[in-house]
Protein backbone atom coordinates (compact mmCIF):
# COMPACT_ATOMS: atom_id res chain seq x y z
CA UNK A 1 21.30 -47.32 -28.01
CA UNK A 2 21.01 -47.14 -24.27
CA UNK A 3 19.55 -44.19 -22.90
CA UNK A 4 20.48 -43.06 -19.47
CA UNK A 5 18.31 -41.02 -17.17
CA UNK A 6 18.48 -39.35 -13.49
CA UNK A 7 15.65 -39.79 -11.18
CA UNK A 8 14.19 -36.49 -9.72
CA UNK A 9 13.08 -37.62 -6.26
CA UNK A 10 10.75 -34.94 -4.99
CA UNK A 11 10.02 -36.88 -1.93
CA UNK A 12 13.70 -36.54 -0.91
CA UNK A 13 14.94 -33.19 -1.95
CA UNK A 14 13.50 -29.62 -2.13
CA UNK A 15 12.60 -28.20 -5.41
CA UNK A 16 15.64 -25.63 -5.44
CA UNK A 17 18.15 -28.46 -4.73
CA UNK A 18 16.61 -30.93 -7.40
CA UNK A 19 16.98 -28.06 -9.94
CA UNK A 20 20.74 -27.76 -8.99
CA UNK A 21 21.00 -31.61 -9.25
CA UNK A 22 19.26 -31.76 -12.57
CA UNK A 23 21.86 -29.33 -14.02
CA UNK A 24 24.66 -31.51 -12.63
CA UNK A 25 23.10 -34.63 -14.04
CA UNK A 26 23.28 -32.90 -17.52
CA UNK A 27 26.84 -32.30 -16.88
CA UNK A 28 27.55 -35.76 -15.88
CA UNK A 29 26.28 -37.23 -19.19
CA UNK A 30 22.61 -38.18 -18.47
CA UNK A 31 20.27 -37.45 -21.36
CA UNK A 32 16.84 -37.07 -19.41
CA UNK A 33 15.40 -36.78 -16.09
CA UNK A 34 12.47 -38.66 -14.65
CA UNK A 35 10.39 -36.89 -11.96
CA UNK A 36 8.21 -38.39 -9.27
CA UNK A 37 4.89 -36.64 -8.70
CA UNK A 38 4.10 -37.07 -5.03
CA UNK A 39 1.80 -35.26 -2.56
CA UNK A 40 3.48 -36.84 0.42
CA UNK A 41 6.84 -38.56 0.94
CA UNK A 42 7.22 -42.25 1.72
CA UNK A 43 8.68 -41.50 5.28
CA UNK A 44 9.64 -38.65 7.49
CA UNK A 45 13.38 -38.96 6.95
CA UNK A 46 12.80 -37.97 3.34
CA UNK A 47 10.94 -34.95 4.46
CA UNK A 48 9.91 -33.22 0.97
CA UNK A 49 7.24 -33.41 -1.66
CA UNK A 50 7.37 -30.29 -3.90
CA UNK A 51 4.85 -29.90 -6.74
CA UNK A 52 6.29 -31.69 -9.82
CA UNK A 53 4.51 -29.99 -12.67
CA UNK A 54 5.69 -26.55 -11.29
CA UNK A 55 9.14 -27.73 -11.16
CA UNK A 56 9.19 -29.20 -14.53
CA UNK A 57 8.77 -25.99 -16.41
CA UNK A 58 11.80 -24.54 -14.60
CA UNK A 59 13.77 -27.80 -15.23
CA UNK A 60 13.20 -27.64 -19.00
CA UNK A 61 14.01 -24.11 -19.39
CA UNK A 62 17.11 -24.17 -17.24
CA UNK A 63 18.67 -27.50 -18.60
CA UNK A 64 18.98 -29.29 -21.96
CA UNK A 65 17.69 -32.46 -20.48
CA UNK A 66 14.56 -34.07 -21.65
CA UNK A 67 12.18 -34.95 -18.94
CA UNK A 68 9.45 -37.48 -18.09
CA UNK A 69 6.97 -37.78 -15.10
CA UNK A 70 5.11 -40.65 -13.56
CA UNK A 71 1.67 -39.72 -12.30
CA UNK A 72 -1.66 -40.87 -11.60
CA UNK A 73 -3.99 -38.82 -13.97
CA UNK A 74 -7.58 -39.46 -12.56
CA UNK A 75 -7.90 -39.23 -8.77
CA UNK A 76 -6.36 -36.09 -7.09
CA UNK A 77 -6.18 -34.78 -10.59
CA UNK A 78 -8.56 -34.94 -13.63
CA UNK A 79 -7.21 -36.23 -17.05
CA UNK A 80 -8.28 -33.14 -18.84
CA UNK A 81 -6.07 -31.03 -16.51
CA UNK A 82 -3.14 -33.49 -16.95
CA UNK A 83 -3.60 -33.30 -20.81
CA UNK A 84 -3.59 -29.43 -20.59
CA UNK A 85 -0.45 -29.52 -18.35
CA UNK A 86 1.47 -31.83 -20.74
CA UNK A 87 0.32 -30.02 -23.73
CA UNK A 88 1.51 -26.63 -22.46
CA UNK A 89 5.07 -28.14 -21.63
CA UNK A 90 5.33 -29.64 -25.07
CA UNK A 91 4.19 -26.47 -26.71
CA UNK A 92 7.12 -24.61 -24.96
CA UNK A 93 9.47 -27.54 -25.34
CA UNK A 94 8.71 -29.66 -28.05
CA UNK A 95 9.80 -33.37 -28.05
CA UNK A 96 11.31 -32.77 -24.66
CA UNK A 97 8.44 -34.07 -22.48
CA UNK A 98 6.88 -37.53 -21.97
CA UNK A 99 4.37 -38.79 -19.50
CA UNK A 100 3.95 -42.21 -17.77
CA UNK A 101 0.70 -43.15 -16.00
CA UNK A 102 -0.14 -45.46 -13.24
CA UNK A 103 -3.17 -46.46 -11.24
CA UNK A 104 -1.96 -44.53 -8.23
CA UNK A 105 -1.28 -44.86 -4.45
CA UNK A 106 -3.42 -43.85 -1.64
CA UNK A 107 -0.39 -42.16 -0.25
CA UNK A 108 -1.02 -39.36 -2.64
CA UNK A 109 -4.54 -39.82 -3.74
CA UNK A 110 -6.37 -40.34 -0.43
CA UNK A 111 -6.03 -36.78 0.64
CA UNK A 112 -9.36 -36.05 -1.08
CA UNK A 113 -10.93 -38.24 1.62
CA UNK A 114 -12.97 -40.29 -1.05
CA UNK A 115 -13.38 -44.07 -1.35
CA UNK A 116 -10.19 -45.58 -2.60
CA UNK A 117 -10.97 -47.90 -5.43
CA UNK A 118 -9.87 -51.47 -6.02
CA UNK A 119 -7.21 -52.08 -8.53
CA UNK A 120 -9.50 -53.27 -11.25
CA UNK A 121 -11.50 -50.03 -10.77
CA UNK A 122 -8.41 -47.77 -10.79
CA UNK A 123 -7.05 -49.56 -14.03
CA UNK A 124 -10.52 -48.83 -15.70
CA UNK A 125 -10.28 -45.20 -14.65
CA UNK A 126 -6.77 -45.08 -16.06
CA UNK A 127 -7.52 -46.33 -19.37
CA UNK A 128 -10.37 -44.10 -19.63
CA UNK A 129 -8.13 -41.22 -18.54
CA UNK A 130 -5.55 -41.97 -21.26
CA UNK A 131 -8.23 -42.21 -23.96
CA UNK A 132 -9.53 -38.72 -22.76
CA UNK A 133 -5.87 -37.18 -22.90
CA UNK A 134 -5.15 -38.61 -26.36
CA UNK A 135 -8.51 -37.32 -27.73
CA UNK A 136 -7.78 -33.90 -26.27
CA UNK A 137 -4.23 -33.77 -27.74
CA UNK A 138 -5.84 -34.48 -31.22
CA UNK A 139 -7.88 -31.34 -30.66
CA UNK A 140 -11.28 -33.27 -30.29
CA UNK A 141 -13.93 -31.93 -28.01
CA UNK A 142 -14.55 -34.63 -25.35
CA UNK A 143 -17.71 -35.58 -23.42
CA UNK A 144 -17.88 -38.88 -21.27
CA UNK A 145 -19.94 -40.08 -18.37
CA UNK A 146 -18.30 -43.09 -16.67
CA UNK A 147 -15.85 -43.89 -15.19
CA UNK A 148 -14.49 -40.49 -15.67
CA UNK A 149 -16.83 -37.51 -16.33
CA UNK A 150 -16.02 -34.80 -18.87
CA UNK A 151 -18.28 -32.32 -20.48
CA UNK A 152 -17.40 -30.61 -23.73
CA UNK A 153 -13.72 -30.29 -22.91
CA UNK A 154 -11.49 -28.77 -25.65
CA UNK A 155 -7.58 -27.98 -25.48
CA UNK A 156 -7.13 -24.47 -27.02
CA UNK A 157 -3.39 -24.79 -26.57
CA UNK A 158 -2.40 -28.28 -28.13
CA UNK A 159 0.94 -29.91 -28.15
CA UNK A 160 3.37 -29.24 -30.92
CA UNK A 161 4.57 -32.99 -30.89
CA UNK A 162 2.66 -36.26 -30.97
CA UNK A 163 2.32 -36.99 -27.22
CA UNK A 164 3.37 -40.63 -26.31
CA UNK A 165 2.01 -42.34 -23.06
CA UNK A 166 4.15 -44.75 -21.13
CA UNK A 167 2.48 -47.09 -18.89
CA UNK A 168 3.77 -47.77 -15.40
CA UNK A 169 3.64 -51.38 -14.17
CA UNK A 170 4.92 -53.20 -11.23
CA UNK A 171 3.58 -56.65 -12.11
CA UNK A 172 3.34 -58.92 -15.07
CA UNK A 173 -0.34 -58.63 -14.88
CA UNK A 174 -0.24 -54.96 -15.35
CA UNK A 175 2.34 -55.01 -17.95
CA UNK A 176 0.32 -57.60 -20.04
CA UNK A 177 -2.83 -55.44 -19.91
CA UNK A 178 -0.82 -52.15 -20.81
CA UNK A 179 1.02 -53.84 -23.79
CA UNK A 180 -2.09 -53.32 -26.03
CA UNK A 181 -2.54 -49.58 -25.62
CA UNK A 182 0.67 -47.88 -24.07
CA UNK A 183 3.38 -46.70 -26.27
CA UNK A 184 6.20 -47.93 -24.01
CA UNK A 185 6.55 -49.54 -20.50
CA UNK A 186 8.35 -48.35 -17.37
CA UNK A 187 8.92 -50.52 -14.13
CA UNK A 188 11.23 -50.45 -11.24
CA UNK A 189 13.98 -52.49 -9.91
CA UNK A 190 12.84 -55.95 -8.66
CA UNK A 191 14.36 -59.47 -8.24
CA UNK A 192 15.78 -60.47 -11.67
CA UNK A 193 13.26 -63.21 -12.36
CA UNK A 194 10.48 -61.16 -11.60
CA UNK A 195 11.78 -58.31 -14.20
CA UNK A 196 12.02 -61.10 -16.68
CA UNK A 197 8.26 -61.91 -16.22
CA UNK A 198 7.36 -58.31 -16.67
CA UNK A 199 9.45 -57.93 -19.75
CA UNK A 200 8.01 -61.18 -21.26
CA UNK A 201 4.47 -60.40 -20.30
CA UNK A 202 4.91 -56.96 -22.26
CA UNK A 203 6.59 -58.34 -25.32
CA UNK A 204 4.07 -61.31 -25.71
CA UNK A 205 1.10 -59.30 -25.58
CA UNK A 206 1.70 -56.42 -27.97
CA UNK A 207 4.80 -54.78 -26.74
CA UNK A 208 7.45 -56.48 -28.78
CA UNK A 209 8.62 -53.31 -30.71
CA UNK A 210 7.98 -50.87 -28.00
CA UNK A 211 10.45 -49.33 -25.52
CA UNK A 212 10.94 -50.61 -22.02
CA UNK A 213 12.31 -48.33 -19.25
CA UNK A 214 13.57 -49.29 -16.04
CA UNK A 215 14.10 -47.17 -12.87
CA UNK A 216 17.14 -48.55 -11.23
CA UNK A 217 16.99 -48.19 -7.60
CA UNK A 218 20.62 -48.28 -6.43
CA UNK A 219 22.67 -47.10 -3.62
CA UNK A 220 26.45 -45.97 -4.13
CA UNK A 221 28.70 -44.65 -1.38
CA UNK A 222 32.41 -44.97 -1.08
CA UNK A 223 31.87 -47.44 1.73
CA UNK A 224 29.56 -50.48 1.44
CA UNK A 225 28.04 -49.98 5.07
CA UNK A 226 27.49 -46.31 4.29
CA UNK A 227 25.74 -47.35 1.11
CA UNK A 228 23.52 -49.64 2.82
CA UNK A 229 22.98 -47.41 5.87
CA UNK A 230 21.89 -44.53 3.46
CA UNK A 231 19.61 -46.89 1.43
CA UNK A 232 17.82 -48.09 4.69
CA UNK A 233 17.47 -44.67 6.05
CA UNK A 234 15.84 -43.20 2.96
CA UNK A 235 14.34 -46.23 1.08
CA UNK A 236 13.20 -48.79 3.76
CA UNK A 237 9.40 -47.92 3.28
CA UNK A 238 9.80 -48.79 -0.41
CA UNK A 239 10.46 -52.50 -0.48
CA UNK A 240 6.85 -53.93 0.05
CA UNK A 241 4.59 -55.71 -2.70
CA UNK A 242 2.60 -53.13 -4.92
CA UNK A 243 -0.74 -54.25 -3.37
CA UNK A 244 0.35 -53.19 0.03
CA UNK A 245 2.24 -50.14 -1.23
CA UNK A 246 -0.93 -48.73 -3.08
CA UNK A 247 -3.05 -49.10 0.12
CA UNK A 248 -1.00 -47.30 2.70
CA UNK A 249 -2.44 -43.88 3.11
CA UNK A 250 0.37 -41.62 4.87
CA UNK A 251 4.05 -41.67 5.96
CA UNK A 252 2.81 -42.62 9.46
CA UNK A 253 1.47 -45.94 8.17
CA UNK A 254 4.65 -46.44 5.89
CA UNK A 255 6.86 -46.03 8.75
CA UNK A 256 4.78 -48.45 10.78
CA UNK A 257 5.01 -51.06 8.12
CA UNK A 258 8.74 -50.73 7.78
CA UNK A 259 9.61 -50.62 11.65
CA UNK A 260 11.10 -54.04 11.51
CA UNK A 261 12.71 -53.86 7.99
CA UNK A 262 16.41 -54.74 8.35
CA UNK A 263 19.24 -53.00 6.09
CA UNK A 264 20.00 -56.30 4.55
CA UNK A 265 16.28 -56.72 3.27
CA UNK A 266 16.75 -53.67 1.07
CA UNK A 267 19.31 -55.55 -1.20
CA UNK A 268 16.34 -57.46 -3.01
CA UNK A 269 14.95 -54.29 -4.25
CA UNK A 270 18.14 -51.73 -4.26
CA UNK A 271 21.49 -52.55 -5.84
CA UNK A 272 23.83 -51.53 -2.97
CA UNK A 273 27.50 -51.49 -3.73
CA UNK A 274 30.57 -49.32 -3.16
CA UNK A 275 32.02 -50.47 -6.39
CA UNK A 276 31.36 -48.75 -9.64
CA UNK A 277 32.21 -51.84 -11.61
CA UNK A 278 29.63 -53.69 -9.81
CA UNK A 279 27.02 -51.17 -10.76
CA UNK A 280 28.10 -51.34 -14.18
CA UNK A 281 27.72 -55.05 -14.31
CA UNK A 282 24.18 -54.82 -13.06
CA UNK A 283 23.37 -52.03 -15.56
CA UNK A 284 24.54 -54.08 -18.39
CA UNK A 285 22.40 -57.02 -17.38
CA UNK A 286 19.53 -54.81 -17.47
CA UNK A 287 20.26 -53.60 -20.96
CA UNK A 288 20.68 -57.45 -21.93
CA UNK A 289 17.19 -58.10 -20.63
CA UNK A 290 15.76 -55.71 -23.29
CA UNK A 291 15.61 -52.37 -21.38
CA UNK A 292 16.30 -49.39 -23.62
CA UNK A 293 16.20 -46.76 -21.07
CA UNK A 294 17.77 -46.80 -17.51
CA UNK A 295 16.83 -44.19 -15.06
CA UNK A 296 19.27 -44.20 -12.10
CA UNK A 297 17.96 -43.40 -8.73
CA UNK A 298 20.68 -43.17 -6.06
CA UNK A 299 18.41 -43.52 -3.19
CA UNK A 300 20.63 -42.26 -0.46
CA UNK A 301 21.32 -38.59 0.14
CA UNK A 302 24.59 -38.13 -1.31
CA UNK A 303 23.67 -37.08 -4.85
CA UNK A 304 26.64 -34.94 -5.78
CA UNK A 305 29.09 -37.91 -4.75
CA UNK A 306 27.09 -40.11 -6.94
CA UNK A 307 26.94 -37.81 -10.01
CA UNK A 308 30.72 -37.10 -9.79
CA UNK A 309 31.74 -40.91 -9.53
CA UNK A 310 29.21 -42.17 -12.19
CA UNK A 311 30.23 -39.31 -14.47
CA UNK A 312 33.69 -40.61 -14.27
CA UNK A 313 33.51 -44.25 -14.03
CA UNK A 314 30.01 -45.64 -15.00
CA UNK A 315 28.30 -43.37 -17.73
CA UNK A 316 31.48 -43.52 -20.16
CA UNK A 317 31.42 -47.36 -19.86
CA UNK A 318 27.79 -47.54 -20.61
CA UNK A 319 27.87 -45.22 -23.42
CA UNK A 320 30.50 -47.01 -25.17
CA UNK A 321 28.62 -50.18 -25.33
């Protein structure tokens, strides 16, 4: 069965607007939402960055959707606090919330003004954070020293459900590493050959029978040129390699890096089309690659139009497969 999710982009819309959109996504036929967790937007045209963890409580109480979040649990946050936040949501809304974790980006984490670790260092902290969170969810008292310090931490409000942890990977190398310890994998739209490499790395190293989620970055509008322009205006700063994306520290640096990005260049990372049937074809190809969950992120600003058209012409086709 193919599960369809709607992306909650806190960088692009205010929390109040996102709550309205989540309700419309539920009406359109989506079964869950996936929330970003940013301190800063990618560029100034996006212009927002509400606090996702506050928003999730409202969204879970006002819709019937399940929700996930992609977060870095160890830099501007501490894994004990993320474990507490996740447990609190699950206690109120059992089996309706899941967490995906990644190694973070300076865009959000560098606000602390501390040394920004290398990717291997961040991976070490990420795995240690997951171990801490899982122990706390099991009602254990946790004390650790390195690489994450915890002293006699205990959760007194524990989750009602068994919490799963999804690993967020942008490269085959990270997918391979996460396959042995993550309960599922999530990645984002990339050229098809690259996606196949990520899927293979996951499946061949311990992830064979575990779910794989894909955040599908797309741009739909009634005219192709409008879809392409909308994607470029909002998402031109999001097409760089992961090693560069993780190092840029603020929207100004992303704007500078993207100043020469042409609209046509977005098509390698964003599915741009004014034809619903073309979007259906792309989504079916992702399903056939092995993705069990597709999170649709219409990267332009016309969310209500996207939800209306996809509710009528795309989602029913996908659910009938």
